[in-house]
Amino acid sequence: GFRRCQLVLAVPESWLDVTTLADLADLAVEWKRRGRTMRIATKF
């Protein structure tokens, strides 16, 4: 009943076309084709 929190995925507000997990998956594929890797910072 205390210390409630959520572990979430958060993207920059400037990513206007990325609003869902499906959008994120598509972006990761697109970057992969371009030779770029999506980097996610986390402690989990």
PDB file of all heavy atoms in Angstrom:
ATOM      1  N   GLY A   1       0.769  -1.236   0.000  1.00  0.00           N
ATOM      2  CA  GLY A   1       0.000   0.000   0.000  1.00  0.00           C
ATOM      3  C   GLY A   1       0.800   1.285   0.000  1.00  0.00           C
ATOM      4  O   GLY A   1       0.229   2.359   0.184  1.00  0.00           O
ATOM      5  N   PHE A   2       2.103   1.207  -0.232  1.00  0.00           N
ATOM      6  CA  PHE A   2       2.874   2.450  -0.309  1.00  0.00           C
ATOM      7  C   PHE A   2       3.978   2.314  -1.346  1.00  0.00           C
ATOM      8  O   PHE A   2       4.260   1.224  -1.827  1.00  0.00           O
ATOM      9  CB  PHE A   2       3.439   2.851   1.059  1.00  0.00           C
ATOM     10  CG  PHE A   2       4.462   1.897   1.634  1.00  0.00           C
ATOM     11  CD1 PHE A   2       5.822   2.140   1.487  1.00  0.00           C
ATOM     12  CD2 PHE A   2       4.074   0.774   2.353  1.00  0.00           C
ATOM     13  CE1 PHE A   2       6.765   1.275   2.020  1.00  0.00           C
ATOM     14  CE2 PHE A   2       5.007  -0.095   2.911  1.00  0.00           C
ATOM     15  CZ  PHE A   2       6.360   0.160   2.741  1.00  0.00           C
ATOM     16  N   ARG A   3       4.581   3.456  -1.708  1.00  0.00           N
ATOM     17  CA  ARG A   3       5.634   3.541  -2.720  1.00  0.00           C
ATOM     18  C   ARG A   3       5.157   3.001  -4.074  1.00  0.00           C
ATOM     19  O   ARG A   3       5.842   2.238  -4.749  1.00  0.00           O
ATOM     20  CB  ARG A   3       6.886   2.800  -2.252  1.00  0.00           C
ATOM     21  CG  ARG A   3       7.532   3.381  -1.023  1.00  0.00           C
ATOM     22  CD  ARG A   3       8.044   4.782  -1.227  1.00  0.00           C
ATOM     23  NE  ARG A   3       9.236   4.819  -2.074  1.00  0.00           N
ATOM     24  CZ  ARG A   3       9.872   5.938  -2.428  1.00  0.00           C
ATOM     25  NH1 ARG A   3       9.408   7.117  -2.019  1.00  0.00           N
ATOM     26  NH2 ARG A   3      10.933   5.897  -3.190  1.00  0.00           N
ATOM     27  N   ARG A   4       3.982   3.444  -4.489  1.00  0.00           N
ATOM     28  CA  ARG A   4       3.464   3.007  -5.785  1.00  0.00           C
ATOM     29  C   ARG A   4       4.182   3.739  -6.921  1.00  0.00           C
ATOM     30  O   ARG A   4       4.448   4.941  -6.840  1.00  0.00           O
ATOM     31  CB  ARG A   4       1.962   3.279  -5.873  1.00  0.00           C
ATOM     32  CG  ARG A   4       1.151   2.507  -4.842  1.00  0.00           C
ATOM     33  CD  ARG A   4      -0.347   2.686  -5.094  1.00  0.00           C
ATOM     34  NE  ARG A   4      -1.135   2.034  -4.055  1.00  0.00           N
ATOM     35  CZ  ARG A   4      -1.377   0.735  -3.998  1.00  0.00           C
ATOM     36  NH1 ARG A   4      -0.882  -0.056  -4.944  1.00  0.00           N
ATOM     37  NH2 ARG A   4      -2.093   0.218  -3.028  1.00  0.00           N
ATOM     38  N   CYS A   5       4.482   3.013  -7.983  1.00  0.00           N
ATOM     39  CA  CYS A   5       5.135   3.605  -9.138  1.00  0.00           C
ATOM     40  C   CYS A   5       4.890   2.719 -10.349  1.00  0.00           C
ATOM     41  O   CYS A   5       4.300   1.636 -10.242  1.00  0.00           O
ATOM     42  CB  CYS A   5       6.640   3.770  -8.891  1.00  0.00           C
ATOM     43  SG  CYS A   5       7.501   2.217  -8.555  1.00  0.00           S
ATOM     44  N   GLN A   6       5.330   3.183 -11.511  1.00  0.00           N
ATOM     45  CA  GLN A   6       5.209   2.413 -12.743  1.00  0.00           C
ATOM     46  C   GLN A   6       6.539   2.434 -13.478  1.00  0.00           C
ATOM     47  O   GLN A   6       7.226   3.466 -13.523  1.00  0.00           O
ATOM     48  CB  GLN A   6       4.122   3.003 -13.652  1.00  0.00           C
ATOM     49  CG  GLN A   6       2.722   2.942 -13.085  1.00  0.00           C
ATOM     50  CD  GLN A   6       1.704   3.517 -14.049  1.00  0.00           C
ATOM     51  OE1 GLN A   6       2.050   4.129 -15.056  1.00  0.00           O
ATOM     52  NE2 GLN A   6       0.437   3.321 -13.753  1.00  0.00           N
ATOM     53  N   LEU A   7       6.907   1.309 -14.057  1.00  0.00           N
ATOM     54  CA  LEU A   7       8.051   1.239 -14.955  1.00  0.00           C
ATOM     55  C   LEU A   7       7.501   1.438 -16.361  1.00  0.00           C
ATOM     56  O   LEU A   7       6.664   0.647 -16.814  1.00  0.00           O
ATOM     57  CB  LEU A   7       8.753  -0.109 -14.828  1.00  0.00           C
ATOM     58  CG  LEU A   7       9.953  -0.359 -15.761  1.00  0.00           C
ATOM     59  CD1 LEU A   7      11.057   0.663 -15.517  1.00  0.00           C
ATOM     60  CD2 LEU A   7      10.484  -1.779 -15.567  1.00  0.00           C
ATOM     61  N   VAL A   8       7.950   2.502 -17.040  1.00  0.00           N
ATOM     62  CA  VAL A   8       7.339   2.883 -18.310  1.00  0.00           C
ATOM     63  C   VAL A   8       8.391   3.123 -19.386  1.00  0.00           C
ATOM     64  O   VAL A   8       9.558   3.397 -19.099  1.00  0.00           O
ATOM     65  CB  VAL A   8       6.490   4.168 -18.158  1.00  0.00           C
ATOM     66  CG1 VAL A   8       5.367   3.965 -17.145  1.00  0.00           C
ATOM     67  CG2 VAL A   8       7.374   5.358 -17.750  1.00  0.00           C
ATOM     68  N   LEU A   9       7.939   3.029 -20.629  1.00  0.00           N
ATOM     69  CA  LEU A   9       8.740   3.436 -21.782  1.00  0.00           C
ATOM     70  C   LEU A   9       8.366   4.867 -22.124  1.00  0.00           C
ATOM     71  O   LEU A   9       7.179   5.166 -22.342  1.00  0.00           O
ATOM     72  CB  LEU A   9       8.456   2.539 -22.987  1.00  0.00           C
ATOM     73  CG  LEU A   9       9.149   1.188 -23.062  1.00  0.00           C
ATOM     74  CD1 LEU A   9       8.620   0.413 -24.265  1.00  0.00           C
ATOM     75  CD2 LEU A   9      10.660   1.344 -23.166  1.00  0.00           C
ATOM     76  N   ALA A  10       9.358   5.753 -22.157  1.00  0.00           N
ATOM     77  CA  ALA A  10       9.093   7.161 -22.453  1.00  0.00           C
ATOM     78  C   ALA A  10       9.987   7.628 -23.593  1.00  0.00           C
ATOM     79  O   ALA A  10      11.189   7.358 -23.605  1.00  0.00           O
ATOM     80  CB  ALA A  10       9.324   8.020 -21.215  1.00  0.00           C
ATOM     81  N   VAL A  11       9.380   8.315 -24.557  1.00  0.00           N
ATOM     82  CA  VAL A  11      10.102   8.804 -25.736  1.00  0.00           C
ATOM     83  C   VAL A  11      10.098  10.330 -25.728  1.00  0.00           C
ATOM     84  O   VAL A  11       9.275  10.957 -25.057  1.00  0.00           O
ATOM     85  CB  VAL A  11       9.451   8.276 -27.035  1.00  0.00           C
ATOM     86  CG1 VAL A  11       9.436   6.757 -27.050  1.00  0.00           C
ATOM     87  CG2 VAL A  11       8.028   8.824 -27.191  1.00  0.00           C
ATOM     88  N   PRO A  12      11.000  10.956 -26.480  1.00  0.00           N
ATOM     89  CA  PRO A  12      10.992  12.423 -26.569  1.00  0.00           C
ATOM     90  C   PRO A  12       9.681  12.935 -27.152  1.00  0.00           C
ATOM     91  O   PRO A  12       9.083  12.310 -28.037  1.00  0.00           O
ATOM     92  CB  PRO A  12      12.174  12.718 -27.511  1.00  0.00           C
ATOM     93  CG  PRO A  12      13.083  11.529 -27.372  1.00  0.00           C
ATOM     94  CD  PRO A  12      12.155  10.367 -27.185  1.00  0.00           C
ATOM     95  N   GLU A  13       9.221  14.058 -26.664  1.00  0.00           N
ATOM     96  CA  GLU A  13       7.986  14.663 -27.169  1.00  0.00           C
ATOM     97  C   GLU A  13       8.093  15.003 -28.654  1.00  0.00           C
ATOM     98  O   GLU A  13       7.087  15.079 -29.360  1.00  0.00           O
ATOM     99  CB  GLU A  13       7.655  15.929 -26.371  1.00  0.00           C
ATOM    100  CG  GLU A  13       7.211  15.646 -24.939  1.00  0.00           C
ATOM    101  CD  GLU A  13       6.900  16.919 -24.181  1.00  0.00           C
ATOM    102  OE1 GLU A  13       7.240  18.019 -24.693  1.00  0.00           O
ATOM    103  OE2 GLU A  13       6.316  16.829 -23.077  1.00  0.00           O
ATOM    104  N   SER A  14       9.307  15.195 -29.141  1.00  0.00           N
ATOM    105  CA  SER A  14       9.509  15.536 -30.554  1.00  0.00           C
ATOM    106  C   SER A  14       9.219  14.376 -31.498  1.00  0.00           C
ATOM    107  O   SER A  14       9.090  14.580 -32.707  1.00  0.00           O
ATOM    108  CB  SER A  14      10.952  16.020 -30.766  1.00  0.00           C
ATOM    109  OG  SER A  14      11.874  15.009 -30.387  1.00  0.00           O
ATOM    110  N   TRP A  15       9.096  13.156 -30.956  1.00  0.00           N
ATOM    111  CA  TRP A  15       8.770  12.003 -31.795  1.00  0.00           C
ATOM    112  C   TRP A  15       7.260  11.981 -32.039  1.00  0.00           C
ATOM    113  O   TRP A  15       6.517  11.154 -31.497  1.00  0.00           O
ATOM    114  CB  TRP A  15       9.209  10.711 -31.122  1.00  0.00           C
ATOM    115  CG  TRP A  15      10.701  10.513 -31.049  1.00  0.00           C
ATOM    116  CD1 TRP A  15      11.674  11.443 -31.206  1.00  0.00           C
ATOM    117  CD2 TRP A  15      11.372   9.278 -30.792  1.00  0.00           C
ATOM    118  NE1 TRP A  15      12.915  10.886 -31.059  1.00  0.00           N
ATOM    119  CE2 TRP A  15      12.773   9.551 -30.808  1.00  0.00           C
ATOM    120  CE3 TRP A  15      10.949   7.983 -30.543  1.00  0.00           C
ATOM    121  CZ2 TRP A  15      13.728   8.570 -30.577  1.00  0.00           C
ATOM    122  CZ3 TRP A  15      11.891   6.998 -30.309  1.00  0.00           C
ATOM    123  CH2 TRP A  15      13.269   7.282 -30.339  1.00  0.00           C
ATOM    124  N   LEU A  16       6.783  12.881 -32.868  1.00  0.00           N
ATOM    125  CA  LEU A  16       5.348  13.066 -33.049  1.00  0.00           C
ATOM    126  C   LEU A  16       4.664  11.851 -33.659  1.00  0.00           C
ATOM    127  O   LEU A  16       3.470  11.604 -33.411  1.00  0.00           O
ATOM    128  CB  LEU A  16       5.096  14.296 -33.929  1.00  0.00           C
ATOM    129  CG  LEU A  16       5.644  15.628 -33.389  1.00  0.00           C
ATOM    130  CD1 LEU A  16       5.355  16.750 -34.367  1.00  0.00           C
ATOM    131  CD2 LEU A  16       5.043  15.929 -32.024  1.00  0.00           C
ATOM    132  N   ASP A  17       5.380  11.087 -34.485  1.00  0.00           N
ATOM    133  CA  ASP A  17       4.772   9.946 -35.163  1.00  0.00           C
ATOM    134  C   ASP A  17       4.899   8.646 -34.371  1.00  0.00           C
ATOM    135  O   ASP A  17       4.466   7.590 -34.850  1.00  0.00           O
ATOM    136  CB  ASP A  17       5.410   9.747 -36.549  1.00  0.00           C
ATOM    137  CG  ASP A  17       5.138  10.917 -37.478  1.00  0.00           C
ATOM    138  OD1 ASP A  17       4.081  11.557 -37.316  1.00  0.00           O
ATOM    139  OD2 ASP A  17       5.983  11.192 -38.356  1.00  0.00           O
ATOM    140  N   VAL A  18       5.484   8.710 -33.200  1.00  0.00           N
ATOM    141  CA  VAL A  18       5.652   7.506 -32.381  1.00  0.00           C
ATOM    142  C   VAL A  18       4.797   7.667 -31.135  1.00  0.00           C
ATOM    143  O   VAL A  18       5.181   8.359 -30.185  1.00  0.00           O
ATOM    144  CB  VAL A  18       7.128   7.284 -32.009  1.00  0.00           C
ATOM    145  CG1 VAL A  18       7.282   6.020 -31.163  1.00  0.00           C
ATOM    146  CG2 VAL A  18       7.984   7.188 -33.260  1.00  0.00           C
ATOM    147  N   THR A  19       3.632   7.032 -31.131  1.00  0.00           N
ATOM    148  CA  THR A  19       2.731   7.149 -29.986  1.00  0.00           C
ATOM    149  C   THR A  19       2.407   5.804 -29.353  1.00  0.00           C
ATOM    150  O   THR A  19       1.960   5.757 -28.214  1.00  0.00           O
ATOM    151  CB  THR A  19       1.407   7.824 -30.400  1.00  0.00           C
ATOM    152  OG1 THR A  19       0.778   7.036 -31.414  1.00  0.00           O
ATOM    153  CG2 THR A  19       1.668   9.235 -30.937  1.00  0.00           C
ATOM    154  N   THR A  20       2.625   4.716 -30.107  1.00  0.00           N
ATOM    155  CA  THR A  20       2.289   3.383 -29.601  1.00  0.00           C
ATOM    156  C   THR A  20       3.491   2.452 -29.691  1.00  0.00           C
ATOM    157  O   THR A  20       4.504   2.780 -30.321  1.00  0.00           O
ATOM    158  CB  THR A  20       1.129   2.758 -30.410  1.00  0.00           C
ATOM    159  OG1 THR A  20       1.591   2.508 -31.745  1.00  0.00           O
ATOM    160  CG2 THR A  20      -0.069   3.696 -30.446  1.00  0.00           C
ATOM    161  N   LEU A  21       3.357   1.279 -29.102  1.00  0.00           N
ATOM    162  CA  LEU A  21       4.423   0.279 -29.189  1.00  0.00           C
ATOM    163  C   LEU A  21       4.602  -0.192 -30.627  1.00  0.00           C
ATOM    164  O   LEU A  21       5.729  -0.489 -31.054  1.00  0.00           O
ATOM    165  CB  LEU A  21       4.089  -0.912 -28.284  1.00  0.00           C
ATOM    166  CG  LEU A  21       4.247  -0.660 -26.777  1.00  0.00           C
ATOM    167  CD1 LEU A  21       3.631  -1.815 -25.992  1.00  0.00           C
ATOM    168  CD2 LEU A  21       5.717  -0.498 -26.407  1.00  0.00           C
ATOM    169  N   ALA A  22       3.515  -0.269 -31.384  1.00  0.00           N
ATOM    170  CA  ALA A  22       3.622  -0.655 -32.795  1.00  0.00           C
ATOM    171  C   ALA A  22       4.447   0.368 -33.569  1.00  0.00           C
ATOM    172  O   ALA A  22       5.270  -0.001 -34.431  1.00  0.00           O
ATOM    173  CB  ALA A  22       2.223  -0.795 -33.398  1.00  0.00           C
ATOM    174  N   ASP A  23       4.239   1.662 -33.259  1.00  0.00           N
ATOM    175  CA  ASP A  23       5.031   2.705 -33.910  1.00  0.00           C
ATOM    176  C   ASP A  23       6.508   2.547 -33.559  1.00  0.00           C
ATOM    177  O   ASP A  23       7.381   2.726 -34.420  1.00  0.00           O
ATOM    178  CB  ASP A  23       4.558   4.090 -33.472  1.00  0.00           C
ATOM    179  CG  ASP A  23       3.131   4.394 -33.932  1.00  0.00           C
ATOM    180  OD1 ASP A  23       2.695   3.798 -34.929  1.00  0.00           O
ATOM    181  OD2 ASP A  23       2.478   5.224 -33.272  1.00  0.00           O
ATOM    182  N   LEU A  24       6.771   2.223 -32.318  1.00  0.00           N
ATOM    183  CA  LEU A  24       8.160   2.050 -31.883  1.00  0.00           C
ATOM    184  C   LEU A  24       8.796   0.861 -32.589  1.00  0.00           C
ATOM    185  O   LEU A  24       9.964   0.922 -33.000  1.00  0.00           O
ATOM    186  CB  LEU A  24       8.207   1.852 -30.366  1.00  0.00           C
ATOM    187  CG  LEU A  24       9.607   1.849 -29.743  1.00  0.00           C
ATOM    188  CD1 LEU A  24      10.246   3.234 -29.837  1.00  0.00           C
ATOM    189  CD2 LEU A  24       9.538   1.418 -28.276  1.00  0.00           C
ATOM    190  N   ALA A  25       8.041  -0.217 -32.740  1.00  0.00           N
ATOM    191  CA  ALA A  25       8.556  -1.398 -33.440  1.00  0.00           C
ATOM    192  C   ALA A  25       8.881  -1.059 -34.889  1.00  0.00           C
ATOM    193  O   ALA A  25       9.926  -1.478 -35.424  1.00  0.00           O
ATOM    194  CB  ALA A  25       7.533  -2.531 -33.361  1.00  0.00           C
ATOM    195  N   ASP A  26       8.006  -0.294 -35.551  1.00  0.00           N
ATOM    196  CA  ASP A  26       8.252   0.105 -36.945  1.00  0.00           C
ATOM    197  C   ASP A  26       9.494   0.984 -37.045  1.00  0.00           C
ATOM    198  O   ASP A  26      10.299   0.830 -37.984  1.00  0.00           O
ATOM    199  CB  ASP A  26       7.043   0.865 -37.495  1.00  0.00           C
ATOM    200  CG  ASP A  26       5.827  -0.033 -37.685  1.00  0.00           C
ATOM    201  OD1 ASP A  26       6.005  -1.265 -37.716  1.00  0.00           O
ATOM    202  OD2 ASP A  26       4.705   0.501 -37.766  1.00  0.00           O
ATOM    203  N   LEU A  27       9.656   1.908 -36.087  1.00  0.00           N
ATOM    204  CA  LEU A  27      10.817   2.786 -36.108  1.00  0.00           C
ATOM    205  C   LEU A  27      12.101   1.995 -35.908  1.00  0.00           C
ATOM    206  O   LEU A  27      13.120   2.268 -36.570  1.00  0.00           O
ATOM    207  CB  LEU A  27      10.683   3.850 -35.016  1.00  0.00           C
ATOM    208  CG  LEU A  27      11.809   4.887 -34.946  1.00  0.00           C
ATOM    209  CD1 LEU A  27      11.878   5.699 -36.237  1.00  0.00           C
ATOM    210  CD2 LEU A  27      11.625   5.813 -33.745  1.00  0.00           C
ATOM    211  N   ALA A  28      12.065   1.002 -35.023  1.00  0.00           N
ATOM    212  CA  ALA A  28      13.256   0.174 -34.785  1.00  0.00           C
ATOM    213  C   ALA A  28      13.653  -0.576 -36.057  1.00  0.00           C
ATOM    214  O   ALA A  28      14.851  -0.698 -36.361  1.00  0.00           O
ATOM    215  CB  ALA A  28      12.980  -0.803 -33.644  1.00  0.00           C
ATOM    216  N   VAL A  29      12.660  -1.073 -36.812  1.00  0.00           N
ATOM    217  CA  VAL A  29      12.940  -1.763 -38.078  1.00  0.00           C
ATOM    218  C   VAL A  29      13.534  -0.800 -39.094  1.00  0.00           C
ATOM    219  O   VAL A  29      14.508  -1.126 -39.794  1.00  0.00           O
ATOM    220  CB  VAL A  29      11.648  -2.405 -38.633  1.00  0.00           C
ATOM    221  CG1 VAL A  29      11.869  -2.935 -40.051  1.00  0.00           C
ATOM    222  CG2 VAL A  29      11.176  -3.524 -37.726  1.00  0.00           C
ATOM    223  N   GLU A  30      12.954   0.403 -39.183  1.00  0.00           N
ATOM    224  CA  GLU A  30      13.451   1.402 -40.126  1.00  0.00           C
ATOM    225  C   GLU A  30      14.886   1.783 -39.821  1.00  0.00           C
ATOM    226  O   GLU A  30      15.733   1.876 -40.724  1.00  0.00           O
ATOM    227  CB  GLU A  30      12.545   2.632 -40.081  1.00  0.00           C
ATOM    228  CG  GLU A  30      12.944   3.724 -41.067  1.00  0.00           C
ATOM    229  CD  GLU A  30      12.037   4.938 -40.980  1.00  0.00           C
ATOM    230  OE1 GLU A  30      10.901   4.790 -40.495  1.00  0.00           O
ATOM    231  OE2 GLU A  30      12.487   6.030 -41.393  1.00  0.00           O
ATOM    232  N   TRP A  31      15.180   1.988 -38.522  1.00  0.00           N
ATOM    233  CA  TRP A  31      16.553   2.330 -38.140  1.00  0.00           C
ATOM    234  C   TRP A  31      17.508   1.180 -38.437  1.00  0.00           C
ATOM    235  O   TRP A  31      18.645   1.397 -38.835  1.00  0.00           O
ATOM    236  CB  TRP A  31      16.594   2.685 -36.645  1.00  0.00           C
ATOM    237  CG  TRP A  31      16.081   4.067 -36.355  1.00  0.00           C
ATOM    238  CD1 TRP A  31      15.411   4.892 -37.212  1.00  0.00           C
ATOM    239  CD2 TRP A  31      16.196   4.780 -35.125  1.00  0.00           C
ATOM    240  NE1 TRP A  31      15.081   6.074 -36.586  1.00  0.00           N
ATOM    241  CE2 TRP A  31      15.564   6.032 -35.290  1.00  0.00           C
ATOM    242  CE3 TRP A  31      16.732   4.470 -33.889  1.00  0.00           C
ATOM    243  CZ2 TRP A  31      15.486   6.983 -34.290  1.00  0.00           C
ATOM    244  CZ3 TRP A  31      16.662   5.424 -32.870  1.00  0.00           C
ATOM    245  CH2 TRP A  31      16.042   6.666 -33.064  1.00  0.00           C
ATOM    246  N   LYS A  32      17.034  -0.026 -38.247  1.00  0.00           N
ATOM    247  CA  LYS A  32      17.861  -1.197 -38.522  1.00  0.00           C
ATOM    248  C   LYS A  32      18.282  -1.231 -39.993  1.00  0.00           C
ATOM    249  O   LYS A  32      19.440  -1.533 -40.323  1.00  0.00           O
ATOM    250  CB  LYS A  32      17.079  -2.455 -38.155  1.00  0.00           C
ATOM    251  CG  LYS A  32      17.774  -3.772 -38.473  1.00  0.00           C
ATOM    252  CD  LYS A  32      18.939  -4.034 -37.557  1.00  0.00           C
ATOM    253  CE  LYS A  32      19.496  -5.429 -37.795  1.00  0.00           C
ATOM    254  NZ  LYS A  32      20.687  -5.701 -36.966  1.00  0.00           N
ATOM    255  N   ARG A  33      17.343  -0.913 -40.877  1.00  0.00           N
ATOM    256  CA  ARG A  33      17.644  -0.885 -42.307  1.00  0.00           C
ATOM    257  C   ARG A  33      18.685   0.176 -42.646  1.00  0.00           C
ATOM    258  O   ARG A  33      19.457   0.020 -43.589  1.00  0.00           O
ATOM    259  CB  ARG A  33      16.356  -0.619 -43.103  1.00  0.00           C
ATOM    260  CG  ARG A  33      15.374  -1.786 -43.094  1.00  0.00           C
ATOM    261  CD  ARG A  33      14.078  -1.384 -43.755  1.00  0.00           C
ATOM    262  NE  ARG A  33      13.103  -2.478 -43.725  1.00  0.00           N
ATOM    263  CZ  ARG A  33      11.803  -2.300 -43.886  1.00  0.00           C
ATOM    264  NH1 ARG A  33      11.310  -1.068 -44.070  1.00  0.00           N
ATOM    265  NH2 ARG A  33      10.981  -3.334 -43.854  1.00  0.00           N
ATOM    266  N   ARG A  34      18.667   1.243 -41.881  1.00  0.00           N
ATOM    267  CA  ARG A  34      19.618   2.328 -42.123  1.00  0.00           C
ATOM    268  C   ARG A  34      20.955   2.098 -41.423  1.00  0.00           C
ATOM    269  O   ARG A  34      21.847   2.936 -41.468  1.00  0.00           O
ATOM    270  CB  ARG A  34      19.031   3.659 -41.641  1.00  0.00           C
ATOM    271  CG  ARG A  34      17.766   4.086 -42.370  1.00  0.00           C
ATOM    272  CD  ARG A  34      17.255   5.387 -41.781  1.00  0.00           C
ATOM    273  NE  ARG A  34      16.011   5.821 -42.388  1.00  0.00           N
ATOM    274  CZ  ARG A  34      15.335   6.907 -42.014  1.00  0.00           C
ATOM    275  NH1 ARG A  34      15.801   7.664 -41.002  1.00  0.00           N
ATOM    276  NH2 ARG A  34      14.219   7.246 -42.631  1.00  0.00           N
ATOM    277  N   GLY A  35      21.049   0.969 -40.689  1.00  0.00           N
ATOM    278  CA  GLY A  35      22.282   0.675 -39.988  1.00  0.00           C
ATOM    279  C   GLY A  35      22.393   1.358 -38.636  1.00  0.00           C
ATOM    280  O   GLY A  35      23.490   1.483 -38.070  1.00  0.00           O
ATOM    281  N   ARG A  36      21.256   1.776 -38.097  1.00  0.00           N
ATOM    282  CA  ARG A  36      21.232   2.461 -36.801  1.00  0.00           C
ATOM    283  C   ARG A  36      20.511   1.595 -35.774  1.00  0.00           C
ATOM    284  O   ARG A  36      19.534   0.935 -36.104  1.00  0.00           O
ATOM    285  CB  ARG A  36      20.546   3.810 -36.933  1.00  0.00           C
ATOM    286  CG  ARG A  36      20.476   4.618 -35.640  1.00  0.00           C
ATOM    287  CD  ARG A  36      19.826   5.959 -35.872  1.00  0.00           C
ATOM    288  NE  ARG A  36      19.610   6.673 -34.621  1.00  0.00           N
ATOM    289  CZ  ARG A  36      18.991   7.854 -34.544  1.00  0.00           C
ATOM    290  NH1 ARG A  36      18.521   8.440 -35.646  1.00  0.00           N
ATOM    291  NH2 ARG A  36      18.841   8.443 -33.361  1.00  0.00           N
ATOM    292  N   THR A  37      21.000   1.610 -34.550  1.00  0.00           N
ATOM    293  CA  THR A  37      20.382   0.817 -33.486  1.00  0.00           C
ATOM    294  C   THR A  37      19.672   1.726 -32.488  1.00  0.00           C
ATOM    295  O   THR A  37      20.229   2.740 -32.053  1.00  0.00           O
ATOM    296  CB  THR A  37      21.434  -0.019 -32.738  1.00  0.00           C
ATOM    297  OG1 THR A  37      22.096  -0.871 -33.672  1.00  0.00           O
ATOM    298  CG2 THR A  37      20.787  -0.880 -31.665  1.00  0.00           C
ATOM    299  N   MET A  38      18.453   1.374 -32.141  1.00  0.00           N
ATOM    300  CA  MET A  38      17.703   2.135 -31.139  1.00  0.00           C
ATOM    301  C   MET A  38      18.273   1.859 -29.758  1.00  0.00           C
ATOM    302  O   MET A  38      18.402   0.715 -29.333  1.00  0.00           O
ATOM    303  CB  MET A  38      16.225   1.734 -31.185  1.00  0.00           C
ATOM    304  CG  MET A  38      15.336   2.482 -30.208  1.00  0.00           C
ATOM    305  SD  MET A  38      13.584   2.022 -30.440  1.00  0.00           S
ATOM    306  CE  MET A  38      13.251   2.783 -32.028  1.00  0.00           C
ATOM    307  N   ARG A  39      18.635   2.925 -29.028  1.00  0.00           N
ATOM    308  CA  ARG A  39      19.256   2.790 -27.705  1.00  0.00           C
ATOM    309  C   ARG A  39      18.256   3.176 -26.615  1.00  0.00           C
ATOM    310  O   ARG A  39      17.668   4.244 -26.664  1.00  0.00           O
ATOM    311  CB  ARG A  39      20.493   3.678 -27.607  1.00  0.00           C
ATOM    312  CG  ARG A  39      21.581   3.361 -28.639  1.00  0.00           C
ATOM    313  CD  ARG A  39      22.541   4.522 -28.754  1.00  0.00           C
ATOM    314  NE  ARG A  39      21.845   5.747 -29.134  1.00  0.00           N
ATOM    315  CZ  ARG A  39      22.354   6.978 -28.997  1.00  0.00           C
ATOM    316  NH1 ARG A  39      23.555   7.152 -28.482  1.00  0.00           N
ATOM    317  NH2 ARG A  39      21.650   8.030 -29.373  1.00  0.00           N
ATOM    318  N   ILE A  40      18.117   2.284 -25.644  1.00  0.00           N
ATOM    319  CA  ILE A  40      17.155   2.507 -24.560  1.00  0.00           C
ATOM    320  C   ILE A  40      17.907   2.470 -23.234  1.00  0.00           C
ATOM    321  O   ILE A  40      18.514   1.449 -22.883  1.00  0.00           O
ATOM    322  CB  ILE A  40      16.051   1.435 -24.570  1.00  0.00           C
ATOM    323  CG1 ILE A  40      15.377   1.377 -25.944  1.00  0.00           C
ATOM    324  CG2 ILE A  40      15.030   1.701 -23.468  1.00  0.00           C
ATOM    325  CD1 ILE A  40      14.400   0.240 -26.105  1.00  0.00           C
ATOM    326  N   ALA A  41      17.876   3.566 -22.509  1.00  0.00           N
ATOM    327  CA  ALA A  41      18.533   3.635 -21.203  1.00  0.00           C
ATOM    328  C   ALA A  41      17.596   3.115 -20.124  1.00  0.00           C
ATOM    329  O   ALA A  41      16.420   3.499 -20.081  1.00  0.00           O
ATOM    330  CB  ALA A  41      18.946   5.072 -20.886  1.00  0.00           C
ATOM    331  N   THR A  42      18.087   2.228 -19.275  1.00  0.00           N
ATOM    332  CA  THR A  42      17.248   1.665 -18.215  1.00  0.00           C
ATOM    333  C   THR A  42      18.097   1.077 -17.100  1.00  0.00           C
ATOM    334  O   THR A  42      19.256   0.714 -17.310  1.00  0.00           O
ATOM    335  CB  THR A  42      16.315   0.577 -18.782  1.00  0.00           C
ATOM    336  OG1 THR A  42      15.422   0.149 -17.751  1.00  0.00           O
ATOM    337  CG2 THR A  42      17.104  -0.625 -19.288  1.00  0.00           C
ATOM    338  N   LYS A  43      17.490   0.986 -15.923  1.00  0.00           N
ATOM    339  CA  LYS A  43      18.085   0.277 -14.789  1.00  0.00           C
ATOM    340  C   LYS A  43      17.423  -1.085 -14.607  1.00  0.00           C
ATOM    341  O   LYS A  43      17.735  -1.796 -13.655  1.00  0.00           O
ATOM    342  CB  LYS A  43      17.908   1.115 -13.511  1.00  0.00           C
ATOM    343  CG  LYS A  43      18.566   2.485 -13.575  1.00  0.00           C
ATOM    344  CD  LYS A  43      18.226   3.328 -12.349  1.00  0.00           C
ATOM    345  CE  LYS A  43      18.775   4.733 -12.485  1.00  0.00           C
ATOM    346  NZ  LYS A  43      18.361   5.612 -11.347  1.00  0.00           N
ATOM    347  N   PHE A  44      16.493  -1.402 -15.522  1.00  0.00           N
ATOM    348  CA  PHE A  44      15.752  -2.657 -15.436  1.00  0.00           C
ATOM    349  C   PHE A  44      15.867  -3.415 -16.761  1.00  0.00           C
ATOM    350  O   PHE A  44      14.886  -3.566 -17.497  1.00  0.00           O
ATOM    351  CB  PHE A  44      14.282  -2.378 -15.107  1.00  0.00           C
ATOM    352  CG  PHE A  44      14.071  -1.704 -13.778  1.00  0.00           C
ATOM    353  CD1 PHE A  44      14.126  -0.322 -13.670  1.00  0.00           C
ATOM    354  CD2 PHE A  44      13.826  -2.466 -12.645  1.00  0.00           C
ATOM    355  CE1 PHE A  44      13.937   0.298 -12.438  1.00  0.00           C
ATOM    356  CE2 PHE A  44      13.635  -1.852 -11.412  1.00  0.00           C
ATOM    357  CZ  PHE A  44      13.705  -0.474 -11.304  1.00  0.00           C
TER     358      PHE A  44
END
